[in-house]
Amino acid sequence: MAEDENLNLQDLEQEAGDDQSPVAARGDPGRVPSNAKELEAVYDIPVQVSAVLGRSTMQVSQLLKLGRGAVVELDRKVGEAIDIYVNDRLVARGEVVVVEDRLGVTMTEIIKMDRS
């Protein structure tokens, strides 16, 4: 998460009915949580993480002609960083790695987004 973005956990905790938490007790909605205990309200929220190797644009007629073994050229070069999205929001860039017999992603750059 970007350093300049504020996490407003007070609203989350009031919805959950937990007004006795450290964040709610301080009453400062603009304060960034300073320890793991203050983030407990968000630990169980599921998020979708996607690693995008690249993109391609084609016409439907071209798509329908694709068959087994067809190669789709992407807009990235070999060795170029891939995009990592959380809930459809770009948050980082990274590299593909192999972990035992599975693919993984290692983050090499965190994307700092201005909140608008």
PDB file of N, CA and C in Angstrom:
ATOM      1  N   MET A   1       0.848  -1.186   0.000  1.00  0.00           N
ATOM      2  CA  MET A   1       0.000   0.000   0.000  1.00  0.00           C
ATOM      3  C   MET A   1       0.882   1.233   0.000  1.00  0.00           C
ATOM      4  N   ALA A   2       0.505   2.251  -0.672  1.00  0.00           N
ATOM      5  CA  ALA A   2       1.288   3.473  -0.752  1.00  0.00           C
ATOM      6  C   ALA A   2       1.357   4.132   0.607  1.00  0.00           C
ATOM      7  N   GLU A   3       2.504   4.752   0.886  1.00  0.00           N
ATOM      8  CA  GLU A   3       2.706   5.364   2.183  1.00  0.00           C
ATOM      9  C   GLU A   3       1.778   6.545   2.432  1.00  0.00           C
ATOM     10  N   ASP A   4       1.398   7.279   1.379  1.00  0.00           N
ATOM     11  CA  ASP A   4       0.605   8.474   1.579  1.00  0.00           C
ATOM     12  C   ASP A   4      -0.893   8.195   1.609  1.00  0.00           C
ATOM     13  N   GLU A   5      -1.291   6.938   1.393  1.00  0.00           N
ATOM     14  CA  GLU A   5      -2.707   6.607   1.440  1.00  0.00           C
ATOM     15  C   GLU A   5      -3.088   6.302   2.880  1.00  0.00           C
ATOM     16  N   ASN A   6      -4.204   6.866   3.334  1.00  0.00           N
ATOM     17  CA  ASN A   6      -4.659   6.623   4.685  1.00  0.00           C
ATOM     18  C   ASN A   6      -5.668   5.501   4.696  1.00  0.00           C
ATOM     19  N   LEU A   7      -5.573   4.647   5.696  1.00  0.00           N
ATOM     20  CA  LEU A   7      -6.492   3.545   5.864  1.00  0.00           C
ATOM     21  C   LEU A   7      -7.491   3.944   6.933  1.00  0.00           C
ATOM     22  N   ASN A   8      -8.752   4.007   6.589  1.00  0.00           N
ATOM     23  CA  ASN A   8      -9.771   4.434   7.535  1.00  0.00           C
ATOM     24  C   ASN A   8     -10.457   3.208   8.121  1.00  0.00           C
ATOM     25  N   LEU A   9      -9.839   2.630   9.156  1.00  0.00           N
ATOM     26  CA  LEU A   9     -10.378   1.440   9.790  1.00  0.00           C
ATOM     27  C   LEU A   9     -11.524   1.774  10.734  1.00  0.00           C
ATOM     28  N   GLN A  10     -11.639   3.003  11.160  1.00  0.00           N
ATOM     29  CA  GLN A  10     -12.707   3.372  12.087  1.00  0.00           C
ATOM     30  C   GLN A  10     -14.065   3.077  11.468  1.00  0.00           C
ATOM     31  N   ASP A  11     -14.245   3.395  10.196  1.00  0.00           N
ATOM     32  CA  ASP A  11     -15.513   3.128   9.523  1.00  0.00           C
ATOM     33  C   ASP A  11     -15.795   1.636   9.464  1.00  0.00           C
ATOM     34  N   LEU A  12     -14.769   0.836   9.154  1.00  0.00           N
ATOM     35  CA  LEU A  12     -14.938  -0.612   9.093  1.00  0.00           C
ATOM     36  C   LEU A  12     -15.354  -1.171  10.444  1.00  0.00           C
ATOM     37  N   GLU A  13     -14.706  -0.716  11.500  1.00  0.00           N
ATOM     38  CA  GLU A  13     -14.991  -1.250  12.823  1.00  0.00           C
ATOM     39  C   GLU A  13     -16.357  -0.826  13.328  1.00  0.00           C
ATOM     40  N   GLN A  14     -16.811   0.375  12.991  1.00  0.00           N
ATOM     41  CA  GLN A  14     -18.134   0.799  13.422  1.00  0.00           C
ATOM     42  C   GLN A  14     -19.199  -0.029  12.732  1.00  0.00           C
ATOM     43  N   GLU A  15     -18.983  -0.379  11.443  1.00  0.00           N
ATOM     44  CA  GLU A  15     -19.931  -1.234  10.734  1.00  0.00           C
ATOM     45  C   GLU A  15     -19.983  -2.610  11.371  1.00  0.00           C
ATOM     46  N   ALA A  16     -18.836  -3.091  11.859  1.00  0.00           N
ATOM     47  CA  ALA A  16     -18.778  -4.409  12.476  1.00  0.00           C
ATOM     48  C   ALA A  16     -19.242  -4.368  13.930  1.00  0.00           C
ATOM     49  N   GLY A  17     -19.473  -3.180  14.482  1.00  0.00           N
ATOM     50  CA  GLY A  17     -19.937  -3.043  15.858  1.00  0.00           C
ATOM     51  C   GLY A  17     -18.831  -3.124  16.875  1.00  0.00           C
ATOM     52  N   ASP A  18     -17.590  -2.917  16.490  1.00  0.00           N
ATOM     53  CA  ASP A  18     -16.459  -3.007  17.405  1.00  0.00           C
ATOM     54  C   ASP A  18     -15.915  -1.607  17.685  1.00  0.00           C
ATOM     55  N   ASP A  19     -16.594  -0.864  18.547  1.00  0.00           N
ATOM     56  CA  ASP A  19     -16.175   0.499  18.852  1.00  0.00           C
ATOM     57  C   ASP A  19     -15.100   0.555  19.932  1.00  0.00           C
ATOM     58  N   GLN A  20     -14.681  -0.583  20.464  1.00  0.00           N
ATOM     59  CA  GLN A  20     -13.689  -0.605  21.526  1.00  0.00           C
ATOM     60  C   GLN A  20     -12.275  -0.846  20.997  1.00  0.00           C
ATOM     61  N   SER A  21     -12.098  -0.887  19.705  1.00  0.00           N
ATOM     62  CA  SER A  21     -10.782  -1.169  19.140  1.00  0.00           C
ATOM     63  C   SER A  21      -9.842   0.015  19.315  1.00  0.00           C
ATOM     64  N   PRO A  22      -8.518  -0.218  19.213  1.00  0.00           N
ATOM     65  CA  PRO A  22      -7.552   0.869  19.373  1.00  0.00           C
ATOM     66  C   PRO A  22      -7.754   2.005  18.378  1.00  0.00           C
ATOM     67  N   VAL A  23      -8.110   1.670  17.121  1.00  0.00           N
ATOM     68  CA  VAL A  23      -8.281   2.723  16.112  1.00  0.00           C
ATOM     69  C   VAL A  23      -9.514   3.562  16.436  1.00  0.00           C
ATOM     70  N   ALA A  24     -10.631   2.899  16.740  1.00  0.00           N
ATOM     71  CA  ALA A  24     -11.863   3.626  17.050  1.00  0.00           C
ATOM     72  C   ALA A  24     -11.689   4.451  18.311  1.00  0.00           C
ATOM     73  N   ALA A  25     -10.935   3.954  19.273  1.00  0.00           N
ATOM     74  CA  ALA A  25     -10.746   4.670  20.532  1.00  0.00           C
ATOM     75  C   ALA A  25      -9.968   5.964  20.321  1.00  0.00           C
ATOM     76  N   ARG A  26      -9.085   5.985  19.351  1.00  0.00           N
ATOM     77  CA  ARG A  26      -8.288   7.195  19.117  1.00  0.00           C
ATOM     78  C   ARG A  26      -9.092   8.255  18.376  1.00  0.00           C
ATOM     79  N   GLY A  27     -10.102   7.838  17.614  1.00  0.00           N
ATOM     80  CA  GLY A  27     -10.997   8.785  16.961  1.00  0.00           C
ATOM     81  C   GLY A  27     -10.366   9.619  15.865  1.00  0.00           C
ATOM     82  N   ASP A  28      -9.270   9.181  15.287  1.00  0.00           N
ATOM     83  CA  ASP A  28      -8.605   9.933  14.225  1.00  0.00           C
ATOM     84  C   ASP A  28      -8.688   9.144  12.926  1.00  0.00           C
ATOM     85  N   PRO A  29      -9.710   9.410  12.094  1.00  0.00           N
ATOM     86  CA  PRO A  29      -9.896   8.624  10.877  1.00  0.00           C
ATOM     87  C   PRO A  29      -8.771   8.793   9.858  1.00  0.00           C
ATOM     88  N   GLY A  30      -7.970   9.824   9.954  1.00  0.00           N
ATOM     89  CA  GLY A  30      -6.896  10.046   9.003  1.00  0.00           C
ATOM     90  C   GLY A  30      -5.584   9.424   9.418  1.00  0.00           C
ATOM     91  N   ARG A  31      -5.536   8.831  10.618  1.00  0.00           N
ATOM     92  CA  ARG A  31      -4.303   8.256  11.137  1.00  0.00           C
ATOM     93  C   ARG A  31      -4.023   6.909  10.496  1.00  0.00           C
ATOM     94  N   VAL A  32      -2.794   6.681  10.061  1.00  0.00           N
ATOM     95  CA  VAL A  32      -2.394   5.404   9.483  1.00  0.00           C
ATOM     96  C   VAL A  32      -2.104   4.439  10.632  1.00  0.00           C
ATOM     97  N   PRO A  33      -2.641   3.198  10.575  1.00  0.00           N
ATOM     98  CA  PRO A  33      -2.381   2.228  11.634  1.00  0.00           C
ATOM     99  C   PRO A  33      -0.889   1.996  11.800  1.00  0.00           C
ATOM    100  N   SER A  34      -0.434   1.889  13.043  1.00  0.00           N
ATOM    101  CA  SER A  34       0.994   1.782  13.297  1.00  0.00           C
ATOM    102  C   SER A  34       1.437   0.383  13.682  1.00  0.00           C
ATOM    103  N   ASN A  35       0.498  -0.552  13.911  1.00  0.00           N
ATOM    104  CA  ASN A  35       0.914  -1.907  14.244  1.00  0.00           C
ATOM    105  C   ASN A  35      -0.090  -2.918  13.704  1.00  0.00           C
ATOM    106  N   ALA A  36       0.304  -4.187  13.744  1.00  0.00           N
ATOM    107  CA  ALA A  36      -0.519  -5.253  13.171  1.00  0.00           C
ATOM    108  C   ALA A  36      -1.848  -5.406  13.893  1.00  0.00           C
ATOM    109  N   LYS A  37      -1.895  -5.164  15.175  1.00  0.00           N
ATOM    110  CA  LYS A  37      -3.135  -5.312  15.945  1.00  0.00           C
ATOM    111  C   LYS A  37      -4.226  -4.392  15.394  1.00  0.00           C
ATOM    112  N   GLU A  38      -3.850  -3.212  14.962  1.00  0.00           N
ATOM    113  CA  GLU A  38      -4.820  -2.248  14.443  1.00  0.00           C
ATOM    114  C   GLU A  38      -5.342  -2.634  13.063  1.00  0.00           C
ATOM    115  N   LEU A  39      -4.679  -3.552  12.392  1.00  0.00           N
ATOM    116  CA  LEU A  39      -5.107  -3.977  11.054  1.00  0.00           C
ATOM    117  C   LEU A  39      -5.953  -5.247  11.082  1.00  0.00           C
ATOM    118  N   GLU A  40      -6.196  -5.818  12.255  1.00  0.00           N
ATOM    119  CA  GLU A  40      -6.933  -7.079  12.348  1.00  0.00           C
ATOM    120  C   GLU A  40      -8.293  -7.033  11.663  1.00  0.00           C
ATOM    121  N   ALA A  41      -8.918  -5.883  11.603  1.00  0.00           N
ATOM    122  CA  ALA A  41     -10.244  -5.765  10.992  1.00  0.00           C
ATOM    123  C   ALA A  41     -10.224  -6.097   9.504  1.00  0.00           C
ATOM    124  N   VAL A  42      -9.088  -5.990   8.859  1.00  0.00           N
ATOM    125  CA  VAL A  42      -9.020  -6.235   7.415  1.00  0.00           C
ATOM    126  C   VAL A  42      -8.331  -7.538   7.054  1.00  0.00           C
ATOM    127  N   TYR A  43      -7.826  -8.283   8.017  1.00  0.00           N
ATOM    128  CA  TYR A  43      -7.076  -9.512   7.724  1.00  0.00           C
ATOM    129  C   TYR A  43      -7.891 -10.550   6.964  1.00  0.00           C
ATOM    130  N   ASP A  44      -9.166 -10.692   7.230  1.00  0.00           N
ATOM    131  CA  ASP A  44      -9.970 -11.746   6.623  1.00  0.00           C
ATOM    132  C   ASP A  44     -10.732 -11.310   5.381  1.00  0.00           C
ATOM    133  N   ILE A  45     -10.492 -10.102   4.894  1.00  0.00           N
ATOM    134  CA  ILE A  45     -11.165  -9.631   3.687  1.00  0.00           C
ATOM    135  C   ILE A  45     -10.475 -10.257   2.477  1.00  0.00           C
ATOM    136  N   PRO A  46     -11.220 -11.021   1.670  1.00  0.00           N
ATOM    137  CA  PRO A  46     -10.590 -11.641   0.495  1.00  0.00           C
ATOM    138  C   PRO A  46     -10.315 -10.612  -0.601  1.00  0.00           C
ATOM    139  N   VAL A  47      -9.197 -10.784  -1.282  1.00  0.00           N
ATOM    140  CA  VAL A  47      -8.857  -9.936  -2.420  1.00  0.00           C
ATOM    141  C   VAL A  47      -8.447 -10.840  -3.578  1.00  0.00           C
ATOM    142  N   GLN A  48      -8.607 -10.345  -4.781  1.00  0.00           N
ATOM    143  CA  GLN A  48      -8.209 -11.083  -5.971  1.00  0.00           C
ATOM    144  C   GLN A  48      -6.874 -10.531  -6.449  1.00  0.00           C
ATOM    145  N   VAL A  49      -5.875 -11.395  -6.546  1.00  0.00           N
ATOM    146  CA  VAL A  49      -4.546 -10.992  -7.003  1.00  0.00           C
ATOM    147  C   VAL A  49      -4.327 -11.592  -8.391  1.00  0.00           C
ATOM    148  N   SER A  50      -3.935 -10.731  -9.345  1.00  0.00           N
ATOM    149  CA  SER A  50      -3.693 -11.172 -10.715  1.00  0.00           C
ATOM    150  C   SER A  50      -2.303 -10.729 -11.151  1.00  0.00           C
ATOM    151  N   ALA A  51      -1.593 -11.613 -11.824  1.00  0.00           N
ATOM    152  CA  ALA A  51      -0.298 -11.287 -12.405  1.00  0.00           C
ATOM    153  C   ALA A  51      -0.461 -11.327 -13.918  1.00  0.00           C
ATOM    154  N   VAL A  52      -0.281 -10.204 -14.572  1.00  0.00           N
ATOM    155  CA  VAL A  52      -0.523 -10.091 -16.006  1.00  0.00           C
ATOM    156  C   VAL A  52       0.813 -10.134 -16.748  1.00  0.00           C
ATOM    157  N   LEU A  53       0.993 -11.184 -17.538  1.00  0.00           N
ATOM    158  CA  LEU A  53       2.222 -11.346 -18.310  1.00  0.00           C
ATOM    159  C   LEU A  53       2.286 -10.373 -19.469  1.00  0.00           C
ATOM    160  N   GLY A  54       1.143 -10.062 -20.037  1.00  0.00           N
ATOM    161  CA  GLY A  54       1.074  -9.155 -21.176  1.00  0.00           C
ATOM    162  C   GLY A  54      -0.324  -9.150 -21.748  1.00  0.00           C
ATOM    163  N   ARG A  55      -0.533  -8.333 -22.753  1.00  0.00           N
ATOM    164  CA  ARG A  55      -1.851  -8.201 -23.371  1.00  0.00           C
ATOM    165  C   ARG A  55      -1.706  -8.264 -24.884  1.00  0.00           C
ATOM    166  N   SER A  56      -2.822  -8.577 -25.524  1.00  0.00           N
ATOM    167  CA  SER A  56      -2.859  -8.619 -26.981  1.00  0.00           C
ATOM    168  C   SER A  56      -4.255  -8.207 -27.427  1.00  0.00           C
ATOM    169  N   THR A  57      -4.337  -7.549 -28.559  1.00  0.00           N
ATOM    170  CA  THR A  57      -5.624  -7.154 -29.128  1.00  0.00           C
ATOM    171  C   THR A  57      -5.764  -7.826 -30.488  1.00  0.00           C
ATOM    172  N   MET A  58      -6.936  -8.404 -30.715  1.00  0.00           N
ATOM    173  CA  MET A  58      -7.186  -9.037 -32.014  1.00  0.00           C
ATOM    174  C   MET A  58      -8.668  -8.996 -32.314  1.00  0.00           C
ATOM    175  N   GLN A  59      -8.982  -9.198 -33.559  1.00  0.00           N
ATOM    176  CA  GLN A  59     -10.374  -9.244 -33.974  1.00  0.00           C
ATOM    177  C   GLN A  59     -10.959 -10.607 -33.630  1.00  0.00           C
ATOM    178  N   VAL A  60     -12.269 -10.660 -33.494  1.00  0.00           N
ATOM    179  CA  VAL A  60     -12.939 -11.918 -33.176  1.00  0.00           C
ATOM    180  C   VAL A  60     -12.628 -12.972 -34.230  1.00  0.00           C
ATOM    181  N   SER A  61     -12.579 -12.564 -35.495  1.00  0.00           N
ATOM    182  CA  SER A  61     -12.281 -13.527 -36.568  1.00  0.00           C
ATOM    183  C   SER A  61     -10.902 -14.158 -36.371  1.00  0.00           C
ATOM    184  N   GLN A  62      -9.919 -13.365 -35.916  1.00  0.00           N
ATOM    185  CA  GLN A  62      -8.587 -13.897 -35.641  1.00  0.00           C
ATOM    186  C   GLN A  62      -8.625 -14.845 -34.444  1.00  0.00           C
ATOM    187  N   LEU A  63      -9.384 -14.475 -33.427  1.00  0.00           N
ATOM    188  CA  LEU A  63      -9.516 -15.302 -32.227  1.00  0.00           C
ATOM    189  C   LEU A  63     -10.104 -16.667 -32.570  1.00  0.00           C
ATOM    190  N   LEU A  64     -11.119 -16.676 -33.436  1.00  0.00           N
ATOM    191  CA  LEU A  64     -11.784 -17.927 -33.812  1.00  0.00           C
ATOM    192  C   LEU A  64     -10.878 -18.849 -34.634  1.00  0.00           C
ATOM    193  N   LYS A  65      -9.866 -18.280 -35.272  1.00  0.00           N
ATOM    194  CA  LYS A  65      -8.937 -19.079 -36.071  1.00  0.00           C
ATOM    195  C   LYS A  65      -7.845 -19.734 -35.223  1.00  0.00           C
ATOM    196  N   LEU A  66      -7.725 -19.327 -33.973  1.00  0.00           N
ATOM    197  CA  LEU A  66      -6.696 -19.893 -33.110  1.00  0.00           C
ATOM    198  C   LEU A  66      -7.022 -21.345 -32.806  1.00  0.00           C
ATOM    199  N   GLY A  67      -6.014 -22.158 -32.781  1.00  0.00           N
ATOM    200  CA  GLY A  67      -6.188 -23.567 -32.460  1.00  0.00           C
ATOM    201  C   GLY A  67      -5.085 -24.020 -31.520  1.00  0.00           C
ATOM    202  N   ARG A  68      -5.083 -25.292 -31.221  1.00  0.00           N
ATOM    203  CA  ARG A  68      -4.077 -25.865 -30.335  1.00  0.00           C
ATOM    204  C   ARG A  68      -2.684 -25.576 -30.899  1.00  0.00           C
ATOM    205  N   GLY A  69      -1.813 -25.080 -30.053  1.00  0.00           N
ATOM    206  CA  GLY A  69      -0.450 -24.780 -30.467  1.00  0.00           C
ATOM    207  C   GLY A  69      -0.263 -23.391 -31.041  1.00  0.00           C
ATOM    208  N   ALA A  70      -1.365 -22.635 -31.192  1.00  0.00           N
ATOM    209  CA  ALA A  70      -1.254 -21.271 -31.719  1.00  0.00           C
ATOM    210  C   ALA A  70      -0.500 -20.399 -30.710  1.00  0.00           C
ATOM    211  N   VAL A  71       0.232 -19.452 -31.229  1.00  0.00           N
ATOM    212  CA  VAL A  71       0.993 -18.529 -30.388  1.00  0.00           C
ATOM    213  C   VAL A  71       0.358 -17.151 -30.485  1.00  0.00           C
ATOM    214  N   VAL A  72       0.055 -16.565 -29.334  1.00  0.00           N
ATOM    215  CA  VAL A  72      -0.484 -15.210 -29.288  1.00  0.00           C
ATOM    216  C   VAL A  72       0.637 -14.298 -28.794  1.00  0.00           C
ATOM    217  N   GLU A  73       1.026 -13.357 -29.629  1.00  0.00           N
ATOM    218  CA  GLU A  73       2.098 -12.439 -29.271  1.00  0.00           C
ATOM    219  C   GLU A  73       1.571 -11.394 -28.290  1.00  0.00           C
ATOM    220  N   LEU A  74       2.306 -11.208 -27.196  1.00  0.00           N
ATOM    221  CA  LEU A  74       1.914 -10.237 -26.177  1.00  0.00           C
ATOM    222  C   LEU A  74       2.702  -8.948 -26.342  1.00  0.00           C
ATOM    223  N   ASP A  75       2.283  -7.915 -25.621  1.00  0.00           N
ATOM    224  CA  ASP A  75       2.909  -6.600 -25.736  1.00  0.00           C
ATOM    225  C   ASP A  75       4.138  -6.430 -24.841  1.00  0.00           C
ATOM    226  N   ARG A  76       4.657  -7.501 -24.290  1.00  0.00           N
ATOM    227  CA  ARG A  76       5.826  -7.436 -23.412  1.00  0.00           C
ATOM    228  C   ARG A  76       6.995  -8.183 -24.028  1.00  0.00           C
ATOM    229  N   LYS A  77       8.188  -7.763 -23.633  1.00  0.00           N
ATOM    230  CA  LYS A  77       9.400  -8.428 -24.081  1.00  0.00           C
ATOM    231  C   LYS A  77       9.857  -9.407 -23.001  1.00  0.00           C
ATOM    232  N   VAL A  78      10.656 -10.375 -23.392  1.00  0.00           N
ATOM    233  CA  VAL A  78      11.219 -11.333 -22.447  1.00  0.00           C
ATOM    234  C   VAL A  78      12.038 -10.567 -21.406  1.00  0.00           C
ATOM    235  N   GLY A  79      11.821 -10.875 -20.149  1.00  0.00           N
ATOM    236  CA  GLY A  79      12.556 -10.223 -19.069  1.00  0.00           C
ATOM    237  C   GLY A  79      11.932  -8.939 -18.567  1.00  0.00           C
ATOM    238  N   GLU A  80      10.934  -8.436 -19.272  1.00  0.00           N
ATOM    239  CA  GLU A  80      10.256  -7.206 -18.847  1.00  0.00           C
ATOM    240  C   GLU A  80       9.357  -7.519 -17.651  1.00  0.00           C
ATOM    241  N   ALA A  81       9.227  -6.578 -16.744  1.00  0.00           N
ATOM    242  CA  ALA A  81       8.420  -6.774 -15.535  1.00  0.00           C
ATOM    243  C   ALA A  81       6.955  -7.018 -15.888  1.00  0.00           C
ATOM    244  N   ILE A  82       6.299  -7.848 -15.083  1.00  0.00           N
ATOM    245  CA  ILE A  82       4.874  -8.097 -15.256  1.00  0.00           C
ATOM    246  C   ILE A  82       4.096  -7.235 -14.277  1.00  0.00           C
ATOM    247  N   ASP A  83       2.832  -6.988 -14.571  1.00  0.00           N
ATOM    248  CA  ASP A  83       1.989  -6.169 -13.709  1.00  0.00           C
ATOM    249  C   ASP A  83       1.262  -7.044 -12.702  1.00  0.00           C
ATOM    250  N   ILE A  84       1.189  -6.581 -11.457  1.00  0.00           N
ATOM    251  CA  ILE A  84       0.489  -7.288 -10.388  1.00  0.00           C
ATOM    252  C   ILE A  84      -0.671  -6.414  -9.946  1.00  0.00           C
ATOM    253  N   TYR A  85      -1.872  -6.970 -10.054  1.00  0.00           N
ATOM    254  CA  TYR A  85      -3.089  -6.242  -9.707  1.00  0.00           C
ATOM    255  C   TYR A  85      -3.726  -6.856  -8.464  1.00  0.00           C
ATOM    256  N   VAL A  86      -4.283  -6.024  -7.608  1.00  0.00           N
ATOM    257  CA  VAL A  86      -5.114  -6.472  -6.489  1.00  0.00           C
ATOM    258  C   VAL A  86      -6.471  -5.831  -6.693  1.00  0.00           C
ATOM    259  N   ASN A  87      -7.498  -6.677  -6.831  1.00  0.00           N
ATOM    260  CA  ASN A  87      -8.857  -6.196  -7.124  1.00  0.00           C
ATOM    261  C   ASN A  87      -8.869  -5.226  -8.307  1.00  0.00           C
ATOM    262  N   ASP A  88      -8.225  -5.611  -9.383  1.00  0.00           N
ATOM    263  CA  ASP A  88      -8.174  -4.836 -10.634  1.00  0.00           C
ATOM    264  C   ASP A  88      -7.469  -3.490 -10.501  1.00  0.00           C
ATOM    265  N   ARG A  89      -6.651  -3.331  -9.488  1.00  0.00           N
ATOM    266  CA  ARG A  89      -5.883  -2.093  -9.306  1.00  0.00           C
ATOM    267  C   ARG A  89      -4.398  -2.436  -9.336  1.00  0.00           C
ATOM    268  N   LEU A  90      -3.654  -1.768 -10.207  1.00  0.00           N
ATOM    269  CA  LEU A  90      -2.221  -2.012 -10.315  1.00  0.00           C
ATOM    270  C   LEU A  90      -1.529  -1.602  -9.021  1.00  0.00           C
ATOM    271  N   VAL A  91      -0.851  -2.557  -8.370  1.00  0.00           N
ATOM    272  CA  VAL A  91      -0.191  -2.255  -7.107  1.00  0.00           C
ATOM    273  C   VAL A  91       1.308  -2.508  -7.139  1.00  0.00           C
ATOM    274  N   ALA A  92       1.770  -3.333  -8.094  1.00  0.00           N
ATOM    275  CA  ALA A  92       3.194  -3.659  -8.113  1.00  0.00           C
ATOM    276  C   ALA A  92       3.598  -4.194  -9.481  1.00  0.00           C
ATOM    277  N   ARG A  93       4.901  -4.318  -9.650  1.00  0.00           N
ATOM    278  CA  ARG A  93       5.474  -4.991 -10.814  1.00  0.00           C
ATOM    279  C   ARG A  93       6.424  -6.052 -10.284  1.00  0.00           C
ATOM    280  N   GLY A  94       6.621  -7.082 -11.073  1.00  0.00           N
ATOM    281  CA  GLY A  94       7.471  -8.151 -10.581  1.00  0.00           C
ATOM    282  C   GLY A  94       8.000  -9.036 -11.681  1.00  0.00           C
ATOM    283  N   GLU A  95       8.592 -10.155 -11.254  1.00  0.00           N
ATOM    284  CA  GLU A  95       9.189 -11.118 -12.169  1.00  0.00           C
ATOM    285  C   GLU A  95       8.592 -12.488 -11.900  1.00  0.00           C
ATOM    286  N   VAL A  96       8.478 -13.284 -12.960  1.00  0.00           N
ATOM    287  CA  VAL A  96       7.985 -14.648 -12.826  1.00  0.00           C
ATOM    288  C   VAL A  96       9.109 -15.507 -12.256  1.00  0.00           C
ATOM    289  N   VAL A  97       8.758 -16.358 -11.275  1.00  0.00           N
ATOM    290  CA  VAL A  97       9.711 -17.289 -10.679  1.00  0.00           C
ATOM    291  C   VAL A  97       9.071 -18.670 -10.643  1.00  0.00           C
ATOM    292  N   VAL A  98       9.898 -19.694 -10.522  1.00  0.00           N
ATOM    293  CA  VAL A  98       9.411 -21.059 -10.388  1.00  0.00           C
ATOM    294  C   VAL A  98       9.624 -21.483  -8.941  1.00  0.00           C
ATOM    295  N   VAL A  99       8.540 -21.942  -8.304  1.00  0.00           N
ATOM    296  CA  VAL A  99       8.597 -22.422  -6.928  1.00  0.00           C
ATOM    297  C   VAL A  99       8.173 -23.885  -6.966  1.00  0.00           C
ATOM    298  N   GLU A 100       9.139 -24.794  -6.793  1.00  0.00           N
ATOM    299  CA  GLU A 100       8.924 -26.226  -6.961  1.00  0.00           C
ATOM    300  C   GLU A 100       8.354 -26.471  -8.350  1.00  0.00           C
ATOM    301  N   ASP A 101       7.121 -26.922  -8.489  1.00  0.00           N
ATOM    302  CA  ASP A 101       6.572 -27.184  -9.823  1.00  0.00           C
ATOM    303  C   ASP A 101       5.491 -26.184 -10.203  1.00  0.00           C
ATOM    304  N   ARG A 102       5.476 -25.022  -9.556  1.00  0.00           N
ATOM    305  CA  ARG A 102       4.464 -23.999  -9.823  1.00  0.00           C
ATOM    306  C   ARG A 102       5.129 -22.675 -10.193  1.00  0.00           C
ATOM    307  N   LEU A 103       4.354 -21.843 -10.900  1.00  0.00           N
ATOM    308  CA  LEU A 103       4.834 -20.490 -11.204  1.00  0.00           C
ATOM    309  C   LEU A 103       4.477 -19.568 -10.059  1.00  0.00           C
ATOM    310  N   GLY A 104       5.302 -18.584  -9.822  1.00  0.00           N
ATOM    311  CA  GLY A 104       5.043 -17.579  -8.809  1.00  0.00           C
ATOM    312  C   GLY A 104       5.499 -16.227  -9.308  1.00  0.00           C
ATOM    313  N   VAL A 105       5.310 -15.228  -8.497  1.00  0.00           N
ATOM    314  CA  VAL A 105       5.716 -13.867  -8.850  1.00  0.00           C
ATOM    315  C   VAL A 105       6.459 -13.268  -7.669  1.00  0.00           C
ATOM    316  N   THR A 106       7.585 -12.660  -7.946  1.00  0.00           N
ATOM    317  CA  THR A 106       8.291 -11.925  -6.910  1.00  0.00           C
ATOM    318  C   THR A 106       8.144 -10.439  -7.214  1.00  0.00           C
ATOM    319  N   MET A 107       7.746  -9.656  -6.219  1.00  0.00           N
ATOM    320  CA  MET A 107       7.539  -8.219  -6.428  1.00  0.00           C
ATOM    321  C   MET A 107       8.879  -7.504  -6.437  1.00  0.00           C
ATOM    322  N   THR A 108       9.079  -6.698  -7.455  1.00  0.00           N
ATOM    323  CA  THR A 108      10.322  -5.937  -7.571  1.00  0.00           C
ATOM    324  C   THR A 108      10.093  -4.440  -7.412  1.00  0.00           C
ATOM    325  N   GLU A 109       8.838  -4.022  -7.558  1.00  0.00           N
ATOM    326  CA  GLU A 109       8.520  -2.590  -7.478  1.00  0.00           C
ATOM    327  C   GLU A 109       7.084  -2.418  -6.984  1.00  0.00           C
ATOM    328  N   ILE A 110       6.904  -1.589  -5.980  1.00  0.00           N
ATOM    329  CA  ILE A 110       5.563  -1.251  -5.490  1.00  0.00           C
ATOM    330  C   ILE A 110       5.139   0.032  -6.194  1.00  0.00           C
ATOM    331  N   ILE A 111       3.927   0.039  -6.743  1.00  0.00           N
ATOM    332  CA  ILE A 111       3.418   1.205  -7.458  1.00  0.00           C
ATOM    333  C   ILE A 111       2.728   2.123  -6.484  1.00  0.00           C
ATOM    334  N   LYS A 112       3.170   3.356  -6.435  1.00  0.00           N
ATOM    335  CA  LYS A 112       2.579   4.342  -5.544  1.00  0.00           C
ATOM    336  C   LYS A 112       1.552   5.150  -6.339  1.00  0.00           C
ATOM    337  N   MET A 113       0.293   5.021  -5.975  1.00  0.00           N
ATOM    338  CA  MET A 113      -0.780   5.689  -6.691  1.00  0.00           C
ATOM    339  C   MET A 113      -1.300   6.856  -5.857  1.00  0.00           C
ATOM    340  N   ASP A 114      -1.549   7.973  -6.513  1.00  0.00           N
ATOM    341  CA  ASP A 114      -2.178   9.102  -5.839  1.00  0.00           C
ATOM    342  C   ASP A 114      -3.654   8.844  -5.733  1.00  0.00           C
ATOM    343  N   ARG A 115      -4.224   9.061  -4.557  1.00  0.00           N
ATOM    344  CA  ARG A 115      -5.642   8.878  -4.352  1.00  0.00           C
ATOM    345  C   ARG A 115      -6.374  10.102  -4.843  1.00  0.00           C
ATOM    346  N   SER A 116      -7.395   9.900  -5.687  1.00  0.00           N
ATOM    347  CA  SER A 116      -8.129  11.057  -6.192  1.00  0.00           C
ATOM    348  C   SER A 116      -9.533  11.067  -5.705  1.00  0.00           C
TER     349      SER A 116
END
